[in-house]
Amino acid sequence: MNQQIIIEISTDGTARVRTEGFHGSSCINASKFIEQSLGAVERSQCTSDYFNCQSISSNSYQPNENKHE
């Protein structure tokens, strides 16, 4: 499976980041730059695949209103 980082942004500005095709905790390292860009992590969830060396994780983010480009 190809490694993918999928970002979904809802109409209220909440972003959801999912990783697919990563093994173990490598998904966390791969998506770290997105976490830092989007702001605070509201919730992080690992699936059973994460513990079986292939992961699909889901992170929800609230927009960082204090960050200005």
PDB file of N, CA and C in Angstrom:
ATOM      1  N   MET A   1       0.851  -1.183   0.000  1.00  0.00           N
ATOM      2  CA  MET A   1       0.000   0.000   0.000  1.00  0.00           C
ATOM      3  C   MET A   1       0.890   1.238   0.000  1.00  0.00           C
ATOM      4  N   ASN A   2       0.517   2.228  -0.780  1.00  0.00           N
ATOM      5  CA  ASN A   2       1.236   3.501  -0.801  1.00  0.00           C
ATOM      6  C   ASN A   2       0.990   4.263   0.487  1.00  0.00           C
ATOM      7  N   GLN A   3       1.979   5.025   0.894  1.00  0.00           N
ATOM      8  CA  GLN A   3       1.808   5.870   2.081  1.00  0.00           C
ATOM      9  C   GLN A   3       1.078   7.143   1.676  1.00  0.00           C
ATOM     10  N   GLN A   4       0.070   7.491   2.464  1.00  0.00           N
ATOM     11  CA  GLN A   4      -0.741   8.675   2.182  1.00  0.00           C
ATOM     12  C   GLN A   4      -1.026   9.430   3.468  1.00  0.00           C
ATOM     13  N   ILE A   5      -1.072  10.755   3.344  1.00  0.00           N
ATOM     14  CA  ILE A   5      -1.574  11.618   4.413  1.00  0.00           C
ATOM     15  C   ILE A   5      -2.799  12.305   3.837  1.00  0.00           C
ATOM     16  N   ILE A   6      -3.943  12.077   4.445  1.00  0.00           N
ATOM     17  CA  ILE A   6      -5.216  12.598   3.955  1.00  0.00           C
ATOM     18  C   ILE A   6      -5.689  13.674   4.916  1.00  0.00           C
ATOM     19  N   ILE A   7      -5.969  14.863   4.374  1.00  0.00           N
ATOM     20  CA  ILE A   7      -6.431  15.985   5.192  1.00  0.00           C
ATOM     21  C   ILE A   7      -7.841  16.340   4.751  1.00  0.00           C
ATOM     22  N   GLU A   8      -8.771  16.320   5.695  1.00  0.00           N
ATOM     23  CA  GLU A   8     -10.160  16.709   5.438  1.00  0.00           C
ATOM     24  C   GLU A   8     -10.464  17.936   6.276  1.00  0.00           C
ATOM     25  N   ILE A   9     -11.004  18.968   5.648  1.00  0.00           N
ATOM     26  CA  ILE A   9     -11.348  20.196   6.366  1.00  0.00           C
ATOM     27  C   ILE A   9     -12.853  20.393   6.278  1.00  0.00           C
ATOM     28  N   SER A  10     -13.505  20.470   7.436  1.00  0.00           N
ATOM     29  CA  SER A  10     -14.955  20.626   7.475  1.00  0.00           C
ATOM     30  C   SER A  10     -15.333  22.097   7.319  1.00  0.00           C
ATOM     31  N   THR A  11     -16.616  22.332   7.164  1.00  0.00           N
ATOM     32  CA  THR A  11     -17.107  23.698   6.970  1.00  0.00           C
ATOM     33  C   THR A  11     -16.900  24.582   8.196  1.00  0.00           C
ATOM     34  N   ASP A  12     -16.754  23.981   9.373  1.00  0.00           N
ATOM     35  CA  ASP A  12     -16.508  24.783  10.581  1.00  0.00           C
ATOM     36  C   ASP A  12     -15.015  25.052  10.804  1.00  0.00           C
ATOM     37  N   GLY A  13     -14.175  24.594   9.866  1.00  0.00           N
ATOM     38  CA  GLY A  13     -12.742  24.857   9.952  1.00  0.00           C
ATOM     39  C   GLY A  13     -11.949  23.788  10.669  1.00  0.00           C
ATOM     40  N   THR A  14     -12.624  22.754  11.163  1.00  0.00           N
ATOM     41  CA  THR A  14     -11.932  21.663  11.829  1.00  0.00           C
ATOM     42  C   THR A  14     -11.256  20.790  10.778  1.00  0.00           C
ATOM     43  N   ALA A  15      -9.986  20.475  11.006  1.00  0.00           N
ATOM     44  CA  ALA A  15      -9.243  19.621  10.084  1.00  0.00           C
ATOM     45  C   ALA A  15      -9.079  18.240  10.682  1.00  0.00           C
ATOM     46  N   ARG A  16      -9.191  17.234   9.839  1.00  0.00           N
ATOM     47  CA  ARG A  16      -8.967  15.852  10.256  1.00  0.00           C
ATOM     48  C   ARG A  16      -7.848  15.297   9.394  1.00  0.00           C
ATOM     49  N   VAL A  17      -6.839  14.745  10.035  1.00  0.00           N
ATOM     50  CA  VAL A  17      -5.682  14.205   9.338  1.00  0.00           C
ATOM     51  C   VAL A  17      -5.646  12.705   9.560  1.00  0.00           C
ATOM     52  N   ARG A  18      -5.572  11.941   8.470  1.00  0.00           N
ATOM     53  CA  ARG A  18      -5.461  10.487   8.556  1.00  0.00           C
ATOM     54  C   ARG A  18      -4.216  10.055   7.794  1.00  0.00           C
ATOM     55  N   THR A  19      -3.558   9.038   8.289  1.00  0.00           N
ATOM     56  CA  THR A  19      -2.432   8.470   7.571  1.00  0.00           C
ATOM     57  C   THR A  19      -2.761   7.024   7.221  1.00  0.00           C
ATOM     58  N   GLU A  20      -2.314   6.611   6.061  1.00  0.00           N
ATOM     59  CA  GLU A  20      -2.543   5.240   5.608  1.00  0.00           C
ATOM     60  C   GLU A  20      -1.254   4.711   4.990  1.00  0.00           C
ATOM     61  N   GLY A  21      -0.986   3.446   5.204  1.00  0.00           N
ATOM     62  CA  GLY A  21       0.153   2.793   4.589  1.00  0.00           C
ATOM     63  C   GLY A  21       1.457   2.923   5.357  1.00  0.00           C
ATOM     64  N   PHE A  22       1.403   3.476   6.553  1.00  0.00           N
ATOM     65  CA  PHE A  22       2.591   3.613   7.393  1.00  0.00           C
ATOM     66  C   PHE A  22       2.654   2.440   8.356  1.00  0.00           C
ATOM     67  N   HIS A  23       3.856   2.103   8.800  1.00  0.00           N
ATOM     68  CA  HIS A  23       4.042   0.998   9.727  1.00  0.00           C
ATOM     69  C   HIS A  23       4.365   1.522  11.112  1.00  0.00           C
ATOM     70  N   GLY A  24       3.664   1.009  12.124  1.00  0.00           N
ATOM     71  CA  GLY A  24       3.924   1.404  13.506  1.00  0.00           C
ATOM     72  C   GLY A  24       3.774   2.898  13.715  1.00  0.00           C
ATOM     73  N   SER A  25       4.702   3.461  14.474  1.00  0.00           N
ATOM     74  CA  SER A  25       4.606   4.876  14.825  1.00  0.00           C
ATOM     75  C   SER A  25       5.135   5.809  13.741  1.00  0.00           C
ATOM     76  N   SER A  26       5.536   5.287  12.597  1.00  0.00           N
ATOM     77  CA  SER A  26       6.041   6.160  11.536  1.00  0.00           C
ATOM     78  C   SER A  26       4.978   7.143  11.042  1.00  0.00           C
ATOM     79  N   CYS A  27       3.705   6.814  11.231  1.00  0.00           N
ATOM     80  CA  CYS A  27       2.642   7.740  10.841  1.00  0.00           C
ATOM     81  C   CYS A  27       2.700   9.020  11.668  1.00  0.00           C
ATOM     82  N   ILE A  28       3.081   8.886  12.934  1.00  0.00           N
ATOM     83  CA  ILE A  28       3.163  10.057  13.811  1.00  0.00           C
ATOM     84  C   ILE A  28       4.268  10.991  13.331  1.00  0.00           C
ATOM     85  N   ASN A  29       5.411  10.421  12.993  1.00  0.00           N
ATOM     86  CA  ASN A  29       6.510  11.240  12.485  1.00  0.00           C
ATOM     87  C   ASN A  29       6.168  11.871  11.143  1.00  0.00           C
ATOM     88  N   ALA A  30       5.469  11.129  10.295  1.00  0.00           N
ATOM     89  CA  ALA A  30       5.131  11.633   8.963  1.00  0.00           C
ATOM     90  C   ALA A  30       4.146  12.794   9.013  1.00  0.00           C
ATOM     91  N   SER A  31       3.232  12.780   9.977  1.00  0.00           N
ATOM     92  CA  SER A  31       2.207  13.832  10.040  1.00  0.00           C
ATOM     93  C   SER A  31       2.545  14.947  11.027  1.00  0.00           C
ATOM     94  N   LYS A  32       3.694  14.874  11.674  1.00  0.00           N
ATOM     95  CA  LYS A  32       4.059  15.855  12.692  1.00  0.00           C
ATOM     96  C   LYS A  32       4.090  17.283  12.142  1.00  0.00           C
ATOM     97  N   PHE A  33       4.614  17.460  10.919  1.00  0.00           N
ATOM     98  CA  PHE A  33       4.680  18.809  10.349  1.00  0.00           C
ATOM     99  C   PHE A  33       3.294  19.387  10.113  1.00  0.00           C
ATOM    100  N   ILE A  34       2.326  18.541   9.844  1.00  0.00           N
ATOM    101  CA  ILE A  34       0.954  19.024   9.651  1.00  0.00           C
ATOM    102  C   ILE A  34       0.363  19.446  10.989  1.00  0.00           C
ATOM    103  N   GLU A  35       0.592  18.669  12.026  1.00  0.00           N
ATOM    104  CA  GLU A  35       0.140  19.036  13.373  1.00  0.00           C
ATOM    105  C   GLU A  35       0.671  20.406  13.762  1.00  0.00           C
ATOM    106  N   GLN A  36       1.943  20.619  13.532  1.00  0.00           N
ATOM    107  CA  GLN A  36       2.571  21.886  13.900  1.00  0.00           C
ATOM    108  C   GLN A  36       1.985  23.051  13.099  1.00  0.00           C
ATOM    109  N   SER A  37       1.628  22.809  11.866  1.00  0.00           N
ATOM    110  CA  SER A  37       1.060  23.865  11.021  1.00  0.00           C
ATOM    111  C   SER A  37      -0.379  24.198  11.375  1.00  0.00           C
ATOM    112  N   LEU A  38      -1.155  23.179  11.751  1.00  0.00           N
ATOM    113  CA  LEU A  38      -2.581  23.381  12.008  1.00  0.00           C
ATOM    114  C   LEU A  38      -2.890  23.883  13.408  1.00  0.00           C
ATOM    115  N   GLY A  39      -2.034  23.634  14.357  1.00  0.00           N
ATOM    116  CA  GLY A  39      -2.301  24.091  15.719  1.00  0.00           C
ATOM    117  C   GLY A  39      -2.476  22.939  16.673  1.00  0.00           C
ATOM    118  N   ALA A  40      -3.278  23.156  17.686  1.00  0.00           N
ATOM    119  CA  ALA A  40      -3.436  22.195  18.777  1.00  0.00           C
ATOM    120  C   ALA A  40      -4.191  20.946  18.321  1.00  0.00           C
ATOM    121  N   VAL A  41      -3.741  19.802  18.804  1.00  0.00           N
ATOM    122  CA  VAL A  41      -4.424  18.532  18.544  1.00  0.00           C
ATOM    123  C   VAL A  41      -5.560  18.407  19.541  1.00  0.00           C
ATOM    124  N   GLU A  42      -6.754  18.234  19.037  1.00  0.00           N
ATOM    125  CA  GLU A  42      -7.925  18.061  19.899  1.00  0.00           C
ATOM    126  C   GLU A  42      -8.060  16.612  20.345  1.00  0.00           C
ATOM    127  N   ARG A  43      -7.770  15.688  19.431  1.00  0.00           N
ATOM    128  CA  ARG A  43      -7.936  14.268  19.725  1.00  0.00           C
ATOM    129  C   ARG A  43      -7.028  13.477  18.797  1.00  0.00           C
ATOM    130  N   SER A  44      -6.447  12.420  19.307  1.00  0.00           N
ATOM    131  CA  SER A  44      -5.610  11.534  18.508  1.00  0.00           C
ATOM    132  C   SER A  44      -6.050  10.106  18.761  1.00  0.00           C
ATOM    133  N   GLN A  45      -6.167   9.328  17.701  1.00  0.00           N
ATOM    134  CA  GLN A  45      -6.662   7.961  17.852  1.00  0.00           C
ATOM    135  C   GLN A  45      -5.853   7.037  16.949  1.00  0.00           C
ATOM    136  N   CYS A  46      -5.365   5.957  17.517  1.00  0.00           N
ATOM    137  CA  CYS A  46      -4.667   4.927  16.745  1.00  0.00           C
ATOM    138  C   CYS A  46      -5.589   3.721  16.615  1.00  0.00           C
ATOM    139  N   THR A  47      -5.579   3.106  15.452  1.00  0.00           N
ATOM    140  CA  THR A  47      -6.391   1.911  15.248  1.00  0.00           C
ATOM    141  C   THR A  47      -5.591   0.680  15.630  1.00  0.00           C
ATOM    142  N   SER A  48      -6.215  -0.465  15.605  1.00  0.00           N
ATOM    143  CA  SER A  48      -5.512  -1.706  15.914  1.00  0.00           C
ATOM    144  C   SER A  48      -4.400  -1.968  14.910  1.00  0.00           C
ATOM    145  N   ASP A  49      -4.538  -1.462  13.692  1.00  0.00           N
ATOM    146  CA  ASP A  49      -3.480  -1.613  12.696  1.00  0.00           C
ATOM    147  C   ASP A  49      -2.191  -0.943  13.138  1.00  0.00           C
ATOM    148  N   TYR A  50      -2.290   0.141  13.887  1.00  0.00           N
ATOM    149  CA  TYR A  50      -1.108   0.824  14.414  1.00  0.00           C
ATOM    150  C   TYR A  50      -0.275  -0.151  15.256  1.00  0.00           C
ATOM    151  N   PHE A  51      -0.919  -0.936  16.051  1.00  0.00           N
ATOM    152  CA  PHE A  51      -0.237  -1.871  16.932  1.00  0.00           C
ATOM    153  C   PHE A  51       0.208  -3.142  16.205  1.00  0.00           C
ATOM    154  N   ASN A  52      -0.310  -3.346  14.999  1.00  0.00           N
ATOM    155  CA  ASN A  52       0.099  -4.478  14.168  1.00  0.00           C
ATOM    156  C   ASN A  52       1.107  -4.054  13.108  1.00  0.00           C
ATOM    157  N   CYS A  53       1.784  -2.967  13.339  1.00  0.00           N
ATOM    158  CA  CYS A  53       2.840  -2.446  12.465  1.00  0.00           C
ATOM    159  C   CYS A  53       2.345  -1.870  11.151  1.00  0.00           C
ATOM    160  N   GLN A  54       1.068  -1.670  10.990  1.00  0.00           N
ATOM    161  CA  GLN A  54       0.547  -0.909   9.874  1.00  0.00           C
ATOM    162  C   GLN A  54      -0.522  -0.013  10.458  1.00  0.00           C
ATOM    163  N   SER A  55      -0.427   1.291  10.190  1.00  0.00           N
ATOM    164  CA  SER A  55      -1.284   2.199  10.931  1.00  0.00           C
ATOM    165  C   SER A  55      -2.189   3.029  10.052  1.00  0.00           C
ATOM    166  N   ILE A  56      -3.316   3.353  10.619  1.00  0.00           N
ATOM    167  CA  ILE A  56      -4.223   4.363  10.098  1.00  0.00           C
ATOM    168  C   ILE A  56      -4.619   5.172  11.316  1.00  0.00           C
ATOM    169  N   SER A  57      -4.124   6.398  11.410  1.00  0.00           N
ATOM    170  CA  SER A  57      -4.436   7.194  12.589  1.00  0.00           C
ATOM    171  C   SER A  57      -5.335   8.346  12.203  1.00  0.00           C
ATOM    172  N   SER A  58      -6.053   8.837  13.160  1.00  0.00           N
ATOM    173  CA  SER A  58      -6.971   9.933  12.934  1.00  0.00           C
ATOM    174  C   SER A  58      -6.718  10.998  13.975  1.00  0.00           C
ATOM    175  N   ASN A  59      -6.469  12.193  13.523  1.00  0.00           N
ATOM    176  CA  ASN A  59      -6.246  13.319  14.413  1.00  0.00           C
ATOM    177  C   ASN A  59      -7.217  14.423  14.040  1.00  0.00           C
ATOM    178  N   SER A  60      -7.837  15.040  15.007  1.00  0.00           N
ATOM    179  CA  SER A  60      -8.717  16.175  14.761  1.00  0.00           C
ATOM    180  C   SER A  60      -8.052  17.425  15.296  1.00  0.00           C
ATOM    181  N   TYR A  61      -8.162  18.493  14.562  1.00  0.00           N
ATOM    182  CA  TYR A  61      -7.520  19.745  14.922  1.00  0.00           C
ATOM    183  C   TYR A  61      -8.534  20.871  14.912  1.00  0.00           C
ATOM    184  N   GLN A  62      -8.373  21.797  15.810  1.00  0.00           N
ATOM    185  CA  GLN A  62      -9.129  23.033  15.780  1.00  0.00           C
ATOM    186  C   GLN A  62      -8.201  24.087  15.206  1.00  0.00           C
ATOM    187  N   PRO A  63      -8.704  24.999  14.385  1.00  0.00           N
ATOM    188  CA  PRO A  63      -7.847  26.029  13.814  1.00  0.00           C
ATOM    189  C   PRO A  63      -7.132  26.814  14.905  1.00  0.00           C
ATOM    190  N   ASN A  64      -5.899  27.131  14.655  1.00  0.00           N
ATOM    191  CA  ASN A  64      -5.103  27.915  15.596  1.00  0.00           C
ATOM    192  C   ASN A  64      -5.338  29.392  15.294  1.00  0.00           C
ATOM    193  N   GLU A  65      -6.243  30.011  16.043  1.00  0.00           N
ATOM    194  CA  GLU A  65      -6.628  31.391  15.781  1.00  0.00           C
ATOM    195  C   GLU A  65      -5.553  32.388  16.183  1.00  0.00           C
ATOM    196  N   ASN A  66      -4.602  31.966  17.007  1.00  0.00           N
ATOM    197  CA  ASN A  66      -3.540  32.882  17.445  1.00  0.00           C
ATOM    198  C   ASN A  66      -2.383  32.911  16.480  1.00  0.00           C
ATOM    199  N   LYS A  67      -2.364  32.021  15.501  1.00  0.00           N
ATOM    200  CA  LYS A  67      -1.238  31.938  14.584  1.00  0.00           C
ATOM    201  C   LYS A  67      -1.512  32.813  13.370  1.00  0.00           C
ATOM    202  N   HIS A  68      -0.559  33.634  13.032  1.00  0.00           N
ATOM    203  CA  HIS A  68      -0.685  34.516  11.877  1.00  0.00           C
ATOM    204  C   HIS A  68       0.478  34.229  10.942  1.00  0.00           C
ATOM    205  N   GLU A  69       0.184  34.132   9.665  1.00  0.00           N
ATOM    206  CA  GLU A  69       1.235  33.886   8.675  1.00  0.00           C
ATOM    207  C   GLU A  69       1.938  35.181   8.331  1.00  0.00           C
TER     208      GLU A  69
END
